[in-house]
Amino acid sequence: MRHEAVFRFRSDQAGAIFGAVSPEMEAEVNTRSSAECLMDGPDTLVLKVHAEDIAALRASLNMWLRLISVAREMQDLVINKEISP
């Protein structure tokens, strides 16, 4: 059985987050799972993860959701630093 999870993230920083995680998509080599990250309009990032089994899906989701979270946190830091004196 093939498993799939799809997450949609709406943010005015979606393009920057996409740019941060895209290089990781190209480097990913996993025989049990695959991931796709794409933009759906200017403010929506879509993450699709496919896996052969639940354990592989969980592991892949942990990695990709963490990468997206870190990219978003870094964008927040950059924005706050630009605003702060």
PDB file of N, CA and C in Angstrom:
ATOM      1  N   MET A   1       0.844  -1.187   0.000  1.00  0.00           N
ATOM      2  CA  MET A   1       0.000   0.000   0.000  1.00  0.00           C
ATOM      3  C   MET A   1       0.885   1.244   0.000  1.00  0.00           C
ATOM      4  N   ARG A   2       0.557   2.187  -0.821  1.00  0.00           N
ATOM      5  CA  ARG A   2       1.285   3.456  -0.893  1.00  0.00           C
ATOM      6  C   ARG A   2       0.559   4.485  -0.044  1.00  0.00           C
ATOM      7  N   HIS A   3       1.303   5.262   0.718  1.00  0.00           N
ATOM      8  CA  HIS A   3       0.740   6.273   1.613  1.00  0.00           C
ATOM      9  C   HIS A   3       1.138   7.662   1.124  1.00  0.00           C
ATOM     10  N   GLU A   4       0.274   8.634   1.392  1.00  0.00           N
ATOM     11  CA  GLU A   4       0.531  10.001   0.944  1.00  0.00           C
ATOM     12  C   GLU A   4       0.057  10.990   2.002  1.00  0.00           C
ATOM     13  N   ALA A   5       0.802  12.069   2.139  1.00  0.00           N
ATOM     14  CA  ALA A   5       0.395  13.185   2.993  1.00  0.00           C
ATOM     15  C   ALA A   5       0.635  14.471   2.204  1.00  0.00           C
ATOM     16  N   VAL A   6      -0.312  15.395   2.302  1.00  0.00           N
ATOM     17  CA  VAL A   6      -0.202  16.677   1.606  1.00  0.00           C
ATOM     18  C   VAL A   6      -0.452  17.792   2.615  1.00  0.00           C
ATOM     19  N   PHE A   7       0.471  18.741   2.657  1.00  0.00           N
ATOM     20  CA  PHE A   7       0.351  19.901   3.536  1.00  0.00           C
ATOM     21  C   PHE A   7       0.387  21.155   2.684  1.00  0.00           C
ATOM     22  N   ARG A   8      -0.449  22.116   3.036  1.00  0.00           N
ATOM     23  CA  ARG A   8      -0.484  23.415   2.359  1.00  0.00           C
ATOM     24  C   ARG A   8      -0.180  24.485   3.411  1.00  0.00           C
ATOM     25  N   PHE A   9       0.811  25.320   3.116  1.00  0.00           N
ATOM     26  CA  PHE A   9       1.218  26.385   4.028  1.00  0.00           C
ATOM     27  C   PHE A   9       0.956  27.724   3.342  1.00  0.00           C
ATOM     28  N   ARG A  10       0.118  28.551   3.952  1.00  0.00           N
ATOM     29  CA  ARG A  10      -0.136  29.889   3.415  1.00  0.00           C
ATOM     30  C   ARG A  10       0.695  30.892   4.204  1.00  0.00           C
ATOM     31  N   SER A  11       1.453  31.683   3.475  1.00  0.00           N
ATOM     32  CA  SER A  11       2.321  32.676   4.104  1.00  0.00           C
ATOM     33  C   SER A  11       2.768  33.671   3.046  1.00  0.00           C
ATOM     34  N   ASP A  12       2.953  34.920   3.455  1.00  0.00           N
ATOM     35  CA  ASP A  12       3.509  35.891   2.523  1.00  0.00           C
ATOM     36  C   ASP A  12       4.993  35.604   2.273  1.00  0.00           C
ATOM     37  N   GLN A  13       5.580  34.701   3.056  1.00  0.00           N
ATOM     38  CA  GLN A  13       6.976  34.297   2.888  1.00  0.00           C
ATOM     39  C   GLN A  13       7.117  32.942   2.188  1.00  0.00           C
ATOM     40  N   ALA A  14       6.034  32.436   1.603  1.00  0.00           N
ATOM     41  CA  ALA A  14       6.042  31.097   0.990  1.00  0.00           C
ATOM     42  C   ALA A  14       7.128  30.958  -0.075  1.00  0.00           C
ATOM     43  N   GLY A  15       7.316  31.975  -0.893  1.00  0.00           N
ATOM     44  CA  GLY A  15       8.332  31.904  -1.940  1.00  0.00           C
ATOM     45  C   GLY A  15       9.738  31.780  -1.378  1.00  0.00           C
ATOM     46  N   ALA A  16      10.025  32.526  -0.325  1.00  0.00           N
ATOM     47  CA  ALA A  16      11.348  32.453   0.298  1.00  0.00           C
ATOM     48  C   ALA A  16      11.563  31.096   0.968  1.00  0.00           C
ATOM     49  N   ILE A  17      10.521  30.576   1.601  1.00  0.00           N
ATOM     50  CA  ILE A  17      10.620  29.255   2.234  1.00  0.00           C
ATOM     51  C   ILE A  17      10.829  28.189   1.162  1.00  0.00           C
ATOM     52  N   PHE A  18      10.085  28.292   0.068  1.00  0.00           N
ATOM     53  CA  PHE A  18      10.259  27.367  -1.048  1.00  0.00           C
ATOM     54  C   PHE A  18      11.696  27.392  -1.550  1.00  0.00           C
ATOM     55  N   GLY A  19      12.240  28.591  -1.715  1.00  0.00           N
ATOM     56  CA  GLY A  19      13.625  28.725  -2.164  1.00  0.00           C
ATOM     57  C   GLY A  19      14.625  28.105  -1.212  1.00  0.00           C
ATOM     58  N   ALA A  20      14.301  28.123   0.070  1.00  0.00           N
ATOM     59  CA  ALA A  20      15.205  27.556   1.067  1.00  0.00           C
ATOM     60  C   ALA A  20      15.179  26.029   1.084  1.00  0.00           C
ATOM     61  N   VAL A  21      14.016  25.430   0.862  1.00  0.00           N
ATOM     62  CA  VAL A  21      13.929  23.960   0.946  1.00  0.00           C
ATOM     63  C   VAL A  21      14.092  23.267  -0.412  1.00  0.00           C
ATOM     64  N   SER A  22      13.942  23.977  -1.504  1.00  0.00           N
ATOM     65  CA  SER A  22      14.042  23.369  -2.838  1.00  0.00           C
ATOM     66  C   SER A  22      15.363  22.635  -3.085  1.00  0.00           C
ATOM     67  N   PRO A  23      16.508  23.206  -2.707  1.00  0.00           N
ATOM     68  CA  PRO A  23      17.760  22.471  -2.943  1.00  0.00           C
ATOM     69  C   PRO A  23      17.797  21.111  -2.228  1.00  0.00           C
ATOM     70  N   GLU A  24      17.128  21.012  -1.105  1.00  0.00           N
ATOM     71  CA  GLU A  24      17.083  19.739  -0.384  1.00  0.00           C
ATOM     72  C   GLU A  24      16.286  18.698  -1.158  1.00  0.00           C
ATOM     73  N   MET A  25      15.282  19.140  -1.915  1.00  0.00           N
ATOM     74  CA  MET A  25      14.483  18.213  -2.729  1.00  0.00           C
ATOM     75  C   MET A  25      15.353  17.530  -3.779  1.00  0.00           C
ATOM     76  N   GLU A  26      16.241  18.295  -4.382  1.00  0.00           N
ATOM     77  CA  GLU A  26      17.115  17.753  -5.419  1.00  0.00           C
ATOM     78  C   GLU A  26      18.111  16.754  -4.862  1.00  0.00           C
ATOM     79  N   ALA A  27      18.508  16.933  -3.604  1.00  0.00           N
ATOM     80  CA  ALA A  27      19.531  16.073  -2.998  1.00  0.00           C
ATOM     81  C   ALA A  27      18.941  14.833  -2.336  1.00  0.00           C
ATOM     82  N   GLU A  28      17.625  14.769  -2.204  1.00  0.00           N
ATOM     83  CA  GLU A  28      16.997  13.660  -1.495  1.00  0.00           C
ATOM     84  C   GLU A  28      17.136  12.348  -2.264  1.00  0.00           C
ATOM     85  N   VAL A  29      17.623  11.331  -1.562  1.00  0.00           N
ATOM     86  CA  VAL A  29      17.705   9.988  -2.129  1.00  0.00           C
ATOM     87  C   VAL A  29      17.185   9.032  -1.064  1.00  0.00           C
ATOM     88  N   ASN A  30      15.976   8.556  -1.277  1.00  0.00           N
ATOM     89  CA  ASN A  30      15.371   7.626  -0.328  1.00  0.00           C
ATOM     90  C   ASN A  30      14.554   6.624  -1.130  1.00  0.00           C
ATOM     91  N   THR A  31      14.795   5.360  -0.903  1.00  0.00           N
ATOM     92  CA  THR A  31      14.104   4.340  -1.684  1.00  0.00           C
ATOM     93  C   THR A  31      12.696   4.071  -1.180  1.00  0.00           C
ATOM     94  N   ARG A  32      12.384   4.449   0.063  1.00  0.00           N
ATOM     95  CA  ARG A  32      11.071   4.153   0.632  1.00  0.00           C
ATOM     96  C   ARG A  32      10.103   5.319   0.592  1.00  0.00           C
ATOM     97  N   SER A  33      10.602   6.525   0.319  1.00  0.00           N
ATOM     98  CA  SER A  33       9.706   7.680   0.282  1.00  0.00           C
ATOM     99  C   SER A  33      10.218   8.711  -0.721  1.00  0.00           C
ATOM    100  N   SER A  34       9.319   9.592  -1.116  1.00  0.00           N
ATOM    101  CA  SER A  34       9.695  10.708  -1.986  1.00  0.00           C
ATOM    102  C   SER A  34       8.865  11.916  -1.580  1.00  0.00           C
ATOM    103  N   ALA A  35       9.400  13.090  -1.856  1.00  0.00           N
ATOM    104  CA  ALA A  35       8.706  14.322  -1.486  1.00  0.00           C
ATOM    105  C   ALA A  35       8.743  15.293  -2.657  1.00  0.00           C
ATOM    106  N   GLU A  36       7.734  16.116  -2.702  1.00  0.00           N
ATOM    107  CA  GLU A  36       7.629  17.151  -3.728  1.00  0.00           C
ATOM    108  C   GLU A  36       7.181  18.430  -3.036  1.00  0.00           C
ATOM    109  N   CYS A  37       7.844  19.516  -3.369  1.00  0.00           N
ATOM    110  CA  CYS A  37       7.485  20.814  -2.811  1.00  0.00           C
ATOM    111  C   CYS A  37       7.244  21.744  -3.992  1.00  0.00           C
ATOM    112  N   LEU A  38       6.113  22.448  -3.963  1.00  0.00           N
ATOM    113  CA  LEU A  38       5.799  23.341  -5.065  1.00  0.00           C
ATOM    114  C   LEU A  38       5.000  24.526  -4.563  1.00  0.00           C
ATOM    115  N   MET A  39       4.943  25.542  -5.398  1.00  0.00           N
ATOM    116  CA  MET A  39       4.168  26.734  -5.078  1.00  0.00           C
ATOM    117  C   MET A  39       2.807  26.627  -5.748  1.00  0.00           C
ATOM    118  N   ASP A  40       1.768  27.013  -5.024  1.00  0.00           N
ATOM    119  CA  ASP A  40       0.412  27.098  -5.572  1.00  0.00           C
ATOM    120  C   ASP A  40      -0.026  28.545  -5.397  1.00  0.00           C
ATOM    121  N   GLY A  41       0.344  29.362  -6.367  1.00  0.00           N
ATOM    122  CA  GLY A  41       0.105  30.797  -6.251  1.00  0.00           C
ATOM    123  C   GLY A  41       1.257  31.452  -5.520  1.00  0.00           C
ATOM    124  N   PRO A  42       1.170  32.753  -5.305  1.00  0.00           N
ATOM    125  CA  PRO A  42       2.282  33.480  -4.694  1.00  0.00           C
ATOM    126  C   PRO A  42       2.433  33.292  -3.188  1.00  0.00           C
ATOM    127  N   ASP A  43       1.396  32.764  -2.523  1.00  0.00           N
ATOM    128  CA  ASP A  43       1.467  32.698  -1.053  1.00  0.00           C
ATOM    129  C   ASP A  43       1.173  31.316  -0.476  1.00  0.00           C
ATOM    130  N   THR A  44       1.237  30.257  -1.303  1.00  0.00           N
ATOM    131  CA  THR A  44       0.932  28.921  -0.795  1.00  0.00           C
ATOM    132  C   THR A  44       2.010  27.929  -1.214  1.00  0.00           C
ATOM    133  N   LEU A  45       2.627  27.331  -0.215  1.00  0.00           N
ATOM    134  CA  LEU A  45       3.622  26.290  -0.404  1.00  0.00           C
ATOM    135  C   LEU A  45       2.930  24.950  -0.181  1.00  0.00           C
ATOM    136  N   VAL A  46       3.146  23.997  -1.081  1.00  0.00           N
ATOM    137  CA  VAL A  46       2.530  22.679  -0.967  1.00  0.00           C
ATOM    138  C   VAL A  46       3.634  21.645  -0.812  1.00  0.00           C
ATOM    139  N   LEU A  47       3.507  20.803   0.198  1.00  0.00           N
ATOM    140  CA  LEU A  47       4.425  19.692   0.432  1.00  0.00           C
ATOM    141  C   LEU A  47       3.646  18.402   0.248  1.00  0.00           C
ATOM    142  N   LYS A  48       4.126  17.534  -0.660  1.00  0.00           N
ATOM    143  CA  LYS A  48       3.522  16.226  -0.883  1.00  0.00           C
ATOM    144  C   LYS A  48       4.572  15.171  -0.577  1.00  0.00           C
ATOM    145  N   VAL A  49       4.208  14.226   0.274  1.00  0.00           N
ATOM    146  CA  VAL A  49       5.125  13.142   0.632  1.00  0.00           C
ATOM    147  C   VAL A  49       4.445  11.815   0.339  1.00  0.00           C
ATOM    148  N   HIS A  50       5.145  10.946  -0.356  1.00  0.00           N
ATOM    149  CA  HIS A  50       4.663   9.605  -0.693  1.00  0.00           C
ATOM    150  C   HIS A  50       5.614   8.605  -0.054  1.00  0.00           C
ATOM    151  N   ALA A  51       5.071   7.507   0.459  1.00  0.00           N
ATOM    152  CA  ALA A  51       5.927   6.497   1.086  1.00  0.00           C
ATOM    153  C   ALA A  51       5.336   5.108   0.923  1.00  0.00           C
ATOM    154  N   GLU A  52       6.213   4.133   0.979  1.00  0.00           N
ATOM    155  CA  GLU A  52       5.807   2.734   0.851  1.00  0.00           C
ATOM    156  C   GLU A  52       5.130   2.214   2.118  1.00  0.00           C
ATOM    157  N   ASP A  53       5.481   2.780   3.259  1.00  0.00           N
ATOM    158  CA  ASP A  53       4.907   2.316   4.523  1.00  0.00           C
ATOM    159  C   ASP A  53       4.784   3.489   5.486  1.00  0.00           C
ATOM    160  N   ILE A  54       4.041   3.267   6.553  1.00  0.00           N
ATOM    161  CA  ILE A  54       3.759   4.339   7.531  1.00  0.00           C
ATOM    162  C   ILE A  54       5.031   4.838   8.210  1.00  0.00           C
ATOM    163  N   ALA A  55       5.936   3.942   8.540  1.00  0.00           N
ATOM    164  CA  ALA A  55       7.179   4.363   9.207  1.00  0.00           C
ATOM    165  C   ALA A  55       7.992   5.282   8.307  1.00  0.00           C
ATOM    166  N   ALA A  56       8.075   4.963   7.032  1.00  0.00           N
ATOM    167  CA  ALA A  56       8.811   5.812   6.093  1.00  0.00           C
ATOM    168  C   ALA A  56       8.107   7.155   5.912  1.00  0.00           C
ATOM    169  N   LEU A  57       6.780   7.140   5.904  1.00  0.00           N
ATOM    170  CA  LEU A  57       6.018   8.387   5.793  1.00  0.00           C
ATOM    171  C   LEU A  57       6.282   9.277   7.004  1.00  0.00           C
ATOM    172  N   ARG A  58       6.234   8.701   8.190  1.00  0.00           N
ATOM    173  CA  ARG A  58       6.491   9.464   9.410  1.00  0.00           C
ATOM    174  C   ARG A  58       7.892  10.063   9.408  1.00  0.00           C
ATOM    175  N   ALA A  59       8.887   9.263   9.050  1.00  0.00           N
ATOM    176  CA  ALA A  59      10.267   9.748   9.041  1.00  0.00           C
ATOM    177  C   ALA A  59      10.453  10.881   8.035  1.00  0.00           C
ATOM    178  N   SER A  60       9.881  10.706   6.853  1.00  0.00           N
ATOM    179  CA  SER A  60      10.006  11.737   5.833  1.00  0.00           C
ATOM    180  C   SER A  60       9.277  13.017   6.244  1.00  0.00           C
ATOM    181  N   LEU A  61       8.083  12.869   6.790  1.00  0.00           N
ATOM    182  CA  LEU A  61       7.340  14.048   7.259  1.00  0.00           C
ATOM    183  C   LEU A  61       8.096  14.779   8.358  1.00  0.00           C
ATOM    184  N   ASN A  62       8.672  14.034   9.292  1.00  0.00           N
ATOM    185  CA  ASN A  62       9.459  14.672  10.355  1.00  0.00           C
ATOM    186  C   ASN A  62      10.556  15.539   9.758  1.00  0.00           C
ATOM    187  N   MET A  63      11.264  15.008   8.775  1.00  0.00           N
ATOM    188  CA  MET A  63      12.366  15.747   8.175  1.00  0.00           C
ATOM    189  C   MET A  63      11.868  16.980   7.418  1.00  0.00           C
ATOM    190  N   TRP A  64      10.895  16.807   6.515  1.00  0.00           N
ATOM    191  CA  TRP A  64      10.449  17.927   5.682  1.00  0.00           C
ATOM    192  C   TRP A  64       9.716  18.988   6.471  1.00  0.00           C
ATOM    193  N   LEU A  65       8.888  18.590   7.425  1.00  0.00           N
ATOM    194  CA  LEU A  65       8.182  19.591   8.238  1.00  0.00           C
ATOM    195  C   LEU A  65       9.163  20.370   9.104  1.00  0.00           C
ATOM    196  N   ARG A  66      10.203  19.704   9.588  1.00  0.00           N
ATOM    197  CA  ARG A  66      11.219  20.400  10.376  1.00  0.00           C
ATOM    198  C   ARG A  66      11.994  21.396   9.499  1.00  0.00           C
ATOM    199  N   LEU A  67      12.365  20.978   8.288  1.00  0.00           N
ATOM    200  CA  LEU A  67      13.075  21.894   7.383  1.00  0.00           C
ATOM    201  C   LEU A  67      12.236  23.126   7.054  1.00  0.00           C
ATOM    202  N   ILE A  68      10.962  22.917   6.791  1.00  0.00           N
ATOM    203  CA  ILE A  68      10.068  24.043   6.505  1.00  0.00           C
ATOM    204  C   ILE A  68       9.931  24.938   7.726  1.00  0.00           C
ATOM    205  N   SER A  69       9.818  24.336   8.887  1.00  0.00           N
ATOM    206  CA  SER A  69       9.710  25.114  10.124  1.00  0.00           C
ATOM    207  C   SER A  69      10.958  25.967  10.361  1.00  0.00           C
ATOM    208  N   VAL A  70      12.125  25.395  10.165  1.00  0.00           N
ATOM    209  CA  VAL A  70      13.373  26.139  10.346  1.00  0.00           C
ATOM    210  C   VAL A  70      13.468  27.272   9.325  1.00  0.00           C
ATOM    211  N   ALA A  71      13.103  26.995   8.076  1.00  0.00           N
ATOM    212  CA  ALA A  71      13.139  28.042   7.048  1.00  0.00           C
ATOM    213  C   ALA A  71      12.200  29.186   7.408  1.00  0.00           C
ATOM    214  N   ARG A  72      11.023  28.847   7.917  1.00  0.00           N
ATOM    215  CA  ARG A  72      10.064  29.886   8.316  1.00  0.00           C
ATOM    216  C   ARG A  72      10.595  30.690   9.508  1.00  0.00           C
ATOM    217  N   GLU A  73      11.187  30.006  10.465  1.00  0.00           N
ATOM    218  CA  GLU A  73      11.764  30.702  11.626  1.00  0.00           C
ATOM    219  C   GLU A  73      12.874  31.651  11.199  1.00  0.00           C
ATOM    220  N   MET A  74      13.700  31.241  10.244  1.00  0.00           N
ATOM    221  CA  MET A  74      14.778  32.101   9.763  1.00  0.00           C
ATOM    222  C   MET A  74      14.211  33.320   9.034  1.00  0.00           C
ATOM    223  N   GLN A  75      13.143  33.133   8.270  1.00  0.00           N
ATOM    224  CA  GLN A  75      12.494  34.263   7.600  1.00  0.00           C
ATOM    225  C   GLN A  75      11.955  35.250   8.636  1.00  0.00           C
ATOM    226  N   ASP A  76      11.346  34.718   9.694  1.00  0.00           N
ATOM    227  CA  ASP A  76      10.839  35.583  10.762  1.00  0.00           C
ATOM    228  C   ASP A  76      11.970  36.380  11.402  1.00  0.00           C
ATOM    229  N   LEU A  77      13.114  35.741  11.630  1.00  0.00           N
ATOM    230  CA  LEU A  77      14.257  36.440  12.223  1.00  0.00           C
ATOM    231  C   LEU A  77      14.763  37.547  11.303  1.00  0.00           C
ATOM    232  N   VAL A  78      14.838  37.255  10.017  1.00  0.00           N
ATOM    233  CA  VAL A  78      15.302  38.252   9.052  1.00  0.00           C
ATOM    234  C   VAL A  78      14.345  39.429   9.012  1.00  0.00           C
ATOM    235  N   ILE A  79      13.061  39.154   8.958  1.00  0.00           N
ATOM    236  CA  ILE A  79      12.060  40.222   8.909  1.00  0.00           C
ATOM    237  C   ILE A  79      12.101  41.058  10.176  1.00  0.00           C
ATOM    238  N   ASN A  80      12.166  40.416  11.338  1.00  0.00           N
ATOM    239  CA  ASN A  80      12.196  41.144  12.612  1.00  0.00           C
ATOM    240  C   ASN A  80      13.462  41.958  12.762  1.00  0.00           C
ATOM    241  N   LYS A  81      14.590  41.450  12.250  1.00  0.00           N
ATOM    242  CA  LYS A  81      15.833  42.190  12.326  1.00  0.00           C
ATOM    243  C   LYS A  81      15.778  43.421  11.430  1.00  0.00           C
ATOM    244  N   GLU A  82      15.145  43.301  10.257  1.00  0.00           N
ATOM    245  CA  GLU A  82      15.022  44.439   9.343  1.00  0.00           C
ATOM    246  C   GLU A  82      14.126  45.521   9.933  1.00  0.00           C
ATOM    247  N   ILE A  83      13.134  45.125  10.734  1.00  0.00           N
ATOM    248  CA  ILE A  83      12.212  46.080  11.328  1.00  0.00           C
ATOM    249  C   ILE A  83      12.794  46.722  12.577  1.00  0.00           C
ATOM    250  N   SER A  84      13.530  45.936  13.360  1.00  0.00           N
ATOM    251  CA  SER A  84      14.090  46.427  14.627  1.00  0.00           C
ATOM    252  C   SER A  84      15.208  47.417  14.385  1.00  0.00           C
ATOM    253  N   PRO A  85      15.355  48.391  15.285  1.00  0.00           N
ATOM    254  CA  PRO A  85      16.459  49.360  15.120  1.00  0.00           C
ATOM    255  C   PRO A  85      17.798  48.768  15.464  1.00  0.00           C
TER     256      PRO A  85
END
